[in-house]
Structure formats: structure tokens, C-alpha cells
Amino acid sequence: MNVTNWNVEENRDWYIRLADSGTDIVVELYISEANAQSQTDRRSFGSAAYGTDVECTLTADTGYSVDYFQEDYTWHLRVSGQNGDSAKIYKMNAFTDLPSIAHAIFKNNSLITIKSTYEINIHTKYKTVRRVPLGIHIPALSVGKIVNFNSTRRGVTENNQIETLTISGTVDSLGSAKLANNVELIKFSNLNKV
């Protein structure tokens, strides 16, 4: 008799007793080894047909509950055994030597790497700040507006947001006033892990 996989609530010690009933495998869940050995204070029970890696759904005893670890699965345990096998008790907890739950995301290194890289990339940004003296006054400009920044010398054409706007004025020798805008532009970009 053997437990090949589990899907019961985690972060607690469980003791699983497997026994041969003569017609199938009897499965019982306890919270202590002493209870499992004496078959007292059982928390849940079920049965599985003889065979390898057979699904077993447990039924909670009165006053207790047994929850799934992953709701996607409709079984609590997978067990193996044949007619005539002797009864066995297995301890199961977070540090068990039984294999972990069979879900691809927990076992596939490629999927784990792809998912973690994706999460890092969507939450990591950097800010580019440019201070640009325009030399003229544009009354339509205001903080928060999106402007197209175009620099042929730098080979850059991109949308930026106005973070600060300063209007400065000068008076020439003839008494004419001239206004000019100085803007601080920002651009947010994704910082991607490679």
C-alpha cells in the first residue's frame, strides 16, 4: 500500500492509514500517529479500488471537515495497493517525503521562470526627464499634457508628459515683452529583465 499524491489542506500534520478490506483499499485520515495506530478520533475516511495511483475522495467524520488543497482536483488522495497488502500509516505535512501536488505550474521550471519574469517586467519602470527651453510662449501648454518630443539631432521621436512648466519673460531695449516656456518632460518606460 502506498500514497502516491495528496490534495488535502496543507500546513498541518496528517496521518493516513491504508488497509485492505478484502474488496478495496480503506483510507482513513487522523491528526496523530497514536490515533492512526489505535484507529481512534478519525477525521475522515474513504475507499479506493485496488490498483496503482487510484483517486480517493474522503468524507469528513461528524464534527470535522476535510478541504481540498487545489479545488481543480476532485480527489483528496491517490493511493496504490493490492488485495492482501498489509496496513500502513504515512505521515504527511509540508515537509513530507511524498511527492508534491501534481500541478504543472509547481513542477515546471520554464513556466516558473516565464511567470516570474513577466511579473517583474510589468511592475518595473524607469523615468526619463528632459528639461527643454522652448524659446517661445505656447499658451495651450499646461502641466500633465502629452506632447510629442522630436529631436532630429538625437534621432528621437516620442510622446512625453509635461511635469513642470515655467513661463519666463524678458523686455528688450525698445520696451517689447517676450515670453518663453521652459518645460520639464518625463517619459515612463518598462525596464525589462533579460
C-alpha atoms as a PDB file:
ATOM      1  CA  MET A   1       0.000   0.000   0.000  1.00  0.00           C
ATOM      2  CA  ASN A   2       1.249   3.457  -0.863  1.00  0.00           C
ATOM      3  CA  VAL A   3       0.158   7.128  -1.076  1.00  0.00           C
ATOM      4  CA  THR A   4       1.189   8.467  -4.491  1.00  0.00           C
ATOM      5  CA  ASN A   5      -0.198  12.027  -4.297  1.00  0.00           C
ATOM      6  CA  TRP A   6      -2.185  14.303  -1.997  1.00  0.00           C
ATOM      7  CA  ASN A   7      -4.697  17.151  -2.249  1.00  0.00           C
ATOM      8  CA  VAL A   8      -5.784  17.856   1.324  1.00  0.00           C
ATOM      9  CA  GLU A   9      -5.444  21.124   3.227  1.00  0.00           C
ATOM     10  CA  GLU A  10      -1.813  21.958   3.916  1.00  0.00           C
ATOM     11  CA  ASN A  11       0.161  23.310   6.890  1.00  0.00           C
ATOM     12  CA  ARG A  12      -0.797  20.585   9.335  1.00  0.00           C
ATOM     13  CA  ASP A  13       0.305  17.055  10.087  1.00  0.00           C
ATOM     14  CA  TRP A  14      -1.902  14.316   8.715  1.00  0.00           C
ATOM     15  CA  TYR A  15      -1.572  10.591   9.327  1.00  0.00           C
ATOM     16  CA  ILE A  16      -3.003   8.437   6.557  1.00  0.00           C
ATOM     17  CA  ARG A  17      -3.873   4.832   7.344  1.00  0.00           C
ATOM     18  CA  LEU A  18      -4.239   2.461   4.395  1.00  0.00           C
ATOM     19  CA  ALA A  19      -5.636  -1.015   4.932  1.00  0.00           C
ATOM     20  CA  ASP A  20      -7.024  -3.886   2.861  1.00  0.00           C
ATOM     21  CA  SER A  21     -10.736  -4.532   3.436  1.00  0.00           C
ATOM     22  CA  GLY A  22     -10.800  -7.644   1.263  1.00  0.00           C
ATOM     23  CA  THR A  23     -12.663  -5.836  -1.516  1.00  0.00           C
ATOM     24  CA  ASP A  24     -10.840  -2.461  -1.739  1.00  0.00           C
ATOM     25  CA  ILE A  25      -8.357  -0.120  -0.015  1.00  0.00           C
ATOM     26  CA  VAL A  26      -9.685   1.569   3.127  1.00  0.00           C
ATOM     27  CA  VAL A  27      -8.287   5.108   3.568  1.00  0.00           C
ATOM     28  CA  GLU A  28      -8.509   6.942   6.911  1.00  0.00           C
ATOM     29  CA  LEU A  29      -7.180  10.359   7.966  1.00  0.00           C
ATOM     30  CA  TYR A  30      -6.001  11.132  11.526  1.00  0.00           C
ATOM     31  CA  ILE A  31      -4.127  14.017  13.188  1.00  0.00           C
ATOM     32  CA  SER A  32      -1.764  11.919  15.316  1.00  0.00           C
ATOM     33  CA  GLU A  33       0.183   8.705  14.820  1.00  0.00           C
ATOM     34  CA  ALA A  34      -1.217   7.260  18.064  1.00  0.00           C
ATOM     35  CA  ASN A  35      -4.778   7.824  16.804  1.00  0.00           C
ATOM     36  CA  ALA A  36      -3.943   6.204  13.467  1.00  0.00           C
ATOM     37  CA  GLN A  37      -2.444   3.156  15.185  1.00  0.00           C
ATOM     38  CA  SER A  38      -5.371   2.748  17.595  1.00  0.00           C
ATOM     39  CA  GLN A  39      -7.933   3.904  14.965  1.00  0.00           C
ATOM     40  CA  THR A  40      -9.476   6.469  17.349  1.00  0.00           C
ATOM     41  CA  ASP A  41     -10.580  10.077  16.704  1.00  0.00           C
ATOM     42  CA  ARG A  42     -10.643   9.631  12.932  1.00  0.00           C
ATOM     43  CA  ARG A  43     -11.146  12.871  10.936  1.00  0.00           C
ATOM     44  CA  SER A  44     -12.220  11.471   7.552  1.00  0.00           C
ATOM     45  CA  PHE A  45     -12.449   8.236   5.598  1.00  0.00           C
ATOM     46  CA  GLY A  46     -12.834   6.857   2.096  1.00  0.00           C
ATOM     47  CA  SER A  47     -12.018   3.900  -0.099  1.00  0.00           C
ATOM     48  CA  ALA A  48     -10.301   3.206  -3.396  1.00  0.00           C
ATOM     49  CA  ALA A  49     -10.288   0.269  -5.780  1.00  0.00           C
ATOM     50  CA  TYR A  50      -7.199  -1.922  -5.946  1.00  0.00           C
ATOM     51  CA  GLY A  51      -4.642  -0.637  -8.415  1.00  0.00           C
ATOM     52  CA  THR A  52      -1.955   1.969  -8.981  1.00  0.00           C
ATOM     53  CA  ASP A  53      -2.441   5.711  -8.416  1.00  0.00           C
ATOM     54  CA  VAL A  54      -6.197   5.386  -7.794  1.00  0.00           C
ATOM     55  CA  GLU A  55      -8.141   8.522  -6.837  1.00  0.00           C
ATOM     56  CA  CYS A  56      -9.791   8.607  -3.412  1.00  0.00           C
ATOM     57  CA  THR A  57     -12.309  11.223  -2.250  1.00  0.00           C
ATOM     58  CA  LEU A  58     -12.660  11.441   1.523  1.00  0.00           C
ATOM     59  CA  THR A  59     -15.790  12.016   3.588  1.00  0.00           C
ATOM     60  CA  ALA A  60     -15.376  14.000   6.802  1.00  0.00           C
ATOM     61  CA  ASP A  61     -16.453  12.384  10.041  1.00  0.00           C
ATOM     62  CA  THR A  62     -19.169  14.183  12.025  1.00  0.00           C
ATOM     63  CA  GLY A  63     -17.868  17.408  13.547  1.00  0.00           C
ATOM     64  CA  TYR A  64     -14.839  17.615  11.276  1.00  0.00           C
ATOM     65  CA  SER A  65     -14.067  18.860   7.791  1.00  0.00           C
ATOM     66  CA  VAL A  66     -11.619  17.907   5.089  1.00  0.00           C
ATOM     67  CA  ASP A  67     -10.749  20.533   2.472  1.00  0.00           C
ATOM     68  CA  TYR A  68      -9.014  20.338  -0.881  1.00  0.00           C
ATOM     69  CA  PHE A  69      -5.586  21.927  -1.353  1.00  0.00           C
ATOM     70  CA  GLN A  70      -6.428  22.624  -5.020  1.00  0.00           C
ATOM     71  CA  GLU A  71     -10.122  22.913  -5.888  1.00  0.00           C
ATOM     72  CA  ASP A  72      -9.351  21.900  -9.512  1.00  0.00           C
ATOM     73  CA  TYR A  73      -8.954  18.301  -8.392  1.00  0.00           C
ATOM     74  CA  THR A  74     -11.943  16.234  -7.262  1.00  0.00           C
ATOM     75  CA  TRP A  75      -9.837  13.842  -5.173  1.00  0.00           C
ATOM     76  CA  HIS A  76      -8.087  14.135  -1.815  1.00  0.00           C
ATOM     77  CA  LEU A  77      -5.534  11.339  -2.171  1.00  0.00           C
ATOM     78  CA  ARG A  78      -4.134   8.997  -4.792  1.00  0.00           C
ATOM     79  CA  VAL A  79      -3.255   5.574  -3.480  1.00  0.00           C
ATOM     80  CA  SER A  80      -1.880   2.265  -4.709  1.00  0.00           C
ATOM     81  CA  GLY A  81      -2.447  -1.197  -3.284  1.00  0.00           C
ATOM     82  CA  GLN A  82      -3.446  -4.780  -3.950  1.00  0.00           C
ATOM     83  CA  ASN A  83      -5.538  -7.418  -2.216  1.00  0.00           C
ATOM     84  CA  GLY A  84      -3.576  -8.885   0.698  1.00  0.00           C
ATOM     85  CA  ASP A  85      -1.277  -5.887   1.272  1.00  0.00           C
ATOM     86  CA  SER A  86      -0.612  -5.151   4.952  1.00  0.00           C
ATOM     87  CA  ALA A  87      -1.927  -1.954   6.577  1.00  0.00           C
ATOM     88  CA  LYS A  88       0.421   1.051   6.561  1.00  0.00           C
ATOM     89  CA  ILE A  89       0.466   4.528   8.121  1.00  0.00           C
ATOM     90  CA  TYR A  90       2.008   7.528   6.358  1.00  0.00           C
ATOM     91  CA  LYS A  91       2.764  10.944   7.842  1.00  0.00           C
ATOM     92  CA  MET A  92       2.014  13.852   5.544  1.00  0.00           C
ATOM     93  CA  ASN A  93       2.807  17.539   6.091  1.00  0.00           C
ATOM     94  CA  ALA A  94       4.655  20.404   4.410  1.00  0.00           C
ATOM     95  CA  PHE A  95       7.949  18.519   4.896  1.00  0.00           C
ATOM     96  CA  THR A  96       6.736  15.114   3.802  1.00  0.00           C
ATOM     97  CA  ASP A  97       8.817  12.908   1.537  1.00  0.00           C
ATOM     98  CA  LEU A  98       5.719  12.254  -0.564  1.00  0.00           C
ATOM     99  CA  PRO A  99       5.731  13.968  -3.969  1.00  0.00           C
ATOM    100  CA  SER A 100       4.127  17.405  -4.090  1.00  0.00           C
ATOM    101  CA  ILE A 101       0.800  18.104  -5.754  1.00  0.00           C
ATOM    102  CA  ALA A 102       0.844  17.349  -9.490  1.00  0.00           C
ATOM    103  CA  HIS A 103       0.155  20.773 -10.972  1.00  0.00           C
ATOM    104  CA  ALA A 104       2.332  21.920 -13.880  1.00  0.00           C
ATOM    105  CA  ILE A 105       2.996  25.429 -12.511  1.00  0.00           C
ATOM    106  CA  PHE A 106       4.594  23.952  -9.375  1.00  0.00           C
ATOM    107  CA  LYS A 107       6.800  21.466 -11.248  1.00  0.00           C
ATOM    108  CA  ASN A 108       7.841  23.147 -14.484  1.00  0.00           C
ATOM    109  CA  ASN A 109      10.952  25.358 -14.169  1.00  0.00           C
ATOM    110  CA  SER A 110      10.309  27.000 -17.552  1.00  0.00           C
ATOM    111  CA  LEU A 111       6.785  28.086 -16.543  1.00  0.00           C
ATOM    112  CA  ILE A 112       8.020  29.414 -13.200  1.00  0.00           C
ATOM    113  CA  THR A 113      10.753  31.472 -14.933  1.00  0.00           C
ATOM    114  CA  ILE A 114       8.370  32.848 -17.586  1.00  0.00           C
ATOM    115  CA  LYS A 115       5.751  33.852 -14.994  1.00  0.00           C
ATOM    116  CA  SER A 116       8.233  35.495 -12.616  1.00  0.00           C
ATOM    117  CA  THR A 117       9.961  37.404 -15.462  1.00  0.00           C
ATOM    118  CA  TYR A 118       6.564  38.621 -16.697  1.00  0.00           C
ATOM    119  CA  GLU A 119       5.618  39.860 -13.198  1.00  0.00           C
ATOM    120  CA  ILE A 120       8.963  41.652 -12.767  1.00  0.00           C
ATOM    121  CA  ASN A 121       8.695  43.324 -16.179  1.00  0.00           C
ATOM    122  CA  ILE A 122       5.133  44.665 -15.789  1.00  0.00           C
ATOM    123  CA  HIS A 123       5.935  46.238 -12.413  1.00  0.00           C
ATOM    124  CA  THR A 124       9.378  47.716 -13.152  1.00  0.00           C
ATOM    125  CA  LYS A 125       9.552  51.185 -14.734  1.00  0.00           C
ATOM    126  CA  TYR A 126      12.083  53.947 -15.100  1.00  0.00           C
ATOM    127  CA  LYS A 127      11.589  57.660 -15.716  1.00  0.00           C
ATOM    128  CA  THR A 128      13.485  59.768 -18.262  1.00  0.00           C
ATOM    129  CA  VAL A 129      13.450  63.525 -17.509  1.00  0.00           C
ATOM    130  CA  ARG A 130      14.228  66.184 -20.125  1.00  0.00           C
ATOM    131  CA  ARG A 131      14.431  69.938 -19.488  1.00  0.00           C
ATOM    132  CA  VAL A 132      13.583  71.792 -22.684  1.00  0.00           C
ATOM    133  CA  PRO A 133      13.727  75.604 -23.122  1.00  0.00           C
ATOM    134  CA  LEU A 134      11.288  76.349 -25.965  1.00  0.00           C
ATOM    135  CA  GLY A 135      12.296  79.948 -26.665  1.00  0.00           C
ATOM    136  CA  ILE A 136       8.652  80.844 -27.420  1.00  0.00           C
ATOM    137  CA  HIS A 137       5.463  81.012 -25.416  1.00  0.00           C
ATOM    138  CA  ILE A 138       2.730  78.456 -26.224  1.00  0.00           C
ATOM    139  CA  PRO A 139      -0.422  79.350 -24.225  1.00  0.00           C
ATOM    140  CA  ALA A 140      -2.024  75.925 -24.840  1.00  0.00           C
ATOM    141  CA  LEU A 141       0.685  74.092 -22.820  1.00  0.00           C
ATOM    142  CA  SER A 142      -0.154  73.006 -19.281  1.00  0.00           C
ATOM    143  CA  VAL A 143       1.178  70.551 -16.714  1.00  0.00           C
ATOM    144  CA  GLY A 144       0.003  66.989 -17.391  1.00  0.00           C
ATOM    145  CA  LYS A 145      -0.474  67.377 -21.142  1.00  0.00           C
ATOM    146  CA  ILE A 146       1.124  64.883 -23.518  1.00  0.00           C
ATOM    147  CA  VAL A 147       3.463  66.400 -26.101  1.00  0.00           C
ATOM    148  CA  ASN A 148       5.438  64.867 -28.936  1.00  0.00           C
ATOM    149  CA  PHE A 149       9.159  65.318 -28.336  1.00  0.00           C
ATOM    150  CA  ASN A 150      11.075  65.285 -31.605  1.00  0.00           C
ATOM    151  CA  SER A 151      14.845  65.698 -31.843  1.00  0.00           C
ATOM    152  CA  THR A 152      16.437  65.147 -35.249  1.00  0.00           C
ATOM    153  CA  ARG A 153      19.902  65.629 -33.749  1.00  0.00           C
ATOM    154  CA  ARG A 154      19.306  62.825 -31.222  1.00  0.00           C
ATOM    155  CA  GLY A 155      17.143  60.740 -33.560  1.00  0.00           C
ATOM    156  CA  VAL A 156      14.286  60.683 -31.026  1.00  0.00           C
ATOM    157  CA  THR A 157      10.559  60.966 -31.663  1.00  0.00           C
ATOM    158  CA  GLU A 158       8.360  60.060 -28.690  1.00  0.00           C
ATOM    159  CA  ASN A 159       5.439  61.158 -26.548  1.00  0.00           C
ATOM    160  CA  ASN A 160       6.281  62.749 -23.203  1.00  0.00           C
ATOM    161  CA  GLN A 161       4.243  64.287 -20.415  1.00  0.00           C
ATOM    162  CA  ILE A 162       4.777  67.813 -19.103  1.00  0.00           C
ATOM    163  CA  GLU A 163       5.829  67.552 -15.464  1.00  0.00           C
ATOM    164  CA  THR A 164       6.627  71.238 -14.827  1.00  0.00           C
ATOM    165  CA  LEU A 165       6.089  74.376 -16.858  1.00  0.00           C
ATOM    166  CA  THR A 166       7.817  77.726 -16.287  1.00  0.00           C
ATOM    167  CA  ILE A 167       6.945  80.896 -18.180  1.00  0.00           C
ATOM    168  CA  SER A 168       9.722  83.467 -18.290  1.00  0.00           C
ATOM    169  CA  GLY A 169       9.586  86.971 -19.692  1.00  0.00           C
ATOM    170  CA  THR A 170      12.140  89.460 -20.965  1.00  0.00           C
ATOM    171  CA  VAL A 171      11.821  93.101 -22.007  1.00  0.00           C
ATOM    172  CA  ASP A 172      14.062  94.336 -24.813  1.00  0.00           C
ATOM    173  CA  SER A 173      15.571  97.830 -25.140  1.00  0.00           C
ATOM    174  CA  LEU A 174      12.521  99.035 -27.077  1.00  0.00           C
ATOM    175  CA  GLY A 175      10.177  98.012 -24.255  1.00  0.00           C
ATOM    176  CA  SER A 176       8.712  94.991 -26.024  1.00  0.00           C
ATOM    177  CA  ALA A 177       7.974  92.000 -23.798  1.00  0.00           C
ATOM    178  CA  LYS A 178       8.782  88.483 -24.908  1.00  0.00           C
ATOM    179  CA  LEU A 179       7.508  85.350 -23.144  1.00  0.00           C
ATOM    180  CA  ALA A 180       9.076  81.889 -23.361  1.00  0.00           C
ATOM    181  CA  ASN A 181       8.188  78.466 -21.961  1.00  0.00           C
ATOM    182  CA  ASN A 182      10.616  76.120 -20.203  1.00  0.00           C
ATOM    183  CA  VAL A 183       9.202  72.627 -19.780  1.00  0.00           C
ATOM    184  CA  GLU A 184      10.325  69.543 -17.969  1.00  0.00           C
ATOM    185  CA  LEU A 185       9.208  66.453 -19.855  1.00  0.00           C
ATOM    186  CA  ILE A 186       9.022  62.935 -18.454  1.00  0.00           C
ATOM    187  CA  LYS A 187       8.724  59.575 -20.133  1.00  0.00           C
ATOM    188  CA  PHE A 188       7.994  56.296 -18.329  1.00  0.00           C
ATOM    189  CA  SER A 189       9.489  53.162 -19.849  1.00  0.00           C
ATOM    190  CA  ASN A 190       9.427  49.490 -18.984  1.00  0.00           C
ATOM    191  CA  LEU A 191      12.643  48.139 -17.531  1.00  0.00           C
ATOM    192  CA  ASN A 192      12.761  44.574 -18.780  1.00  0.00           C
ATOM    193  CA  LYS A 193      14.700  41.722 -17.247  1.00  0.00           C
ATOM    194  CA  VAL A 194      16.607  39.836 -19.959  1.00  0.00           C
END
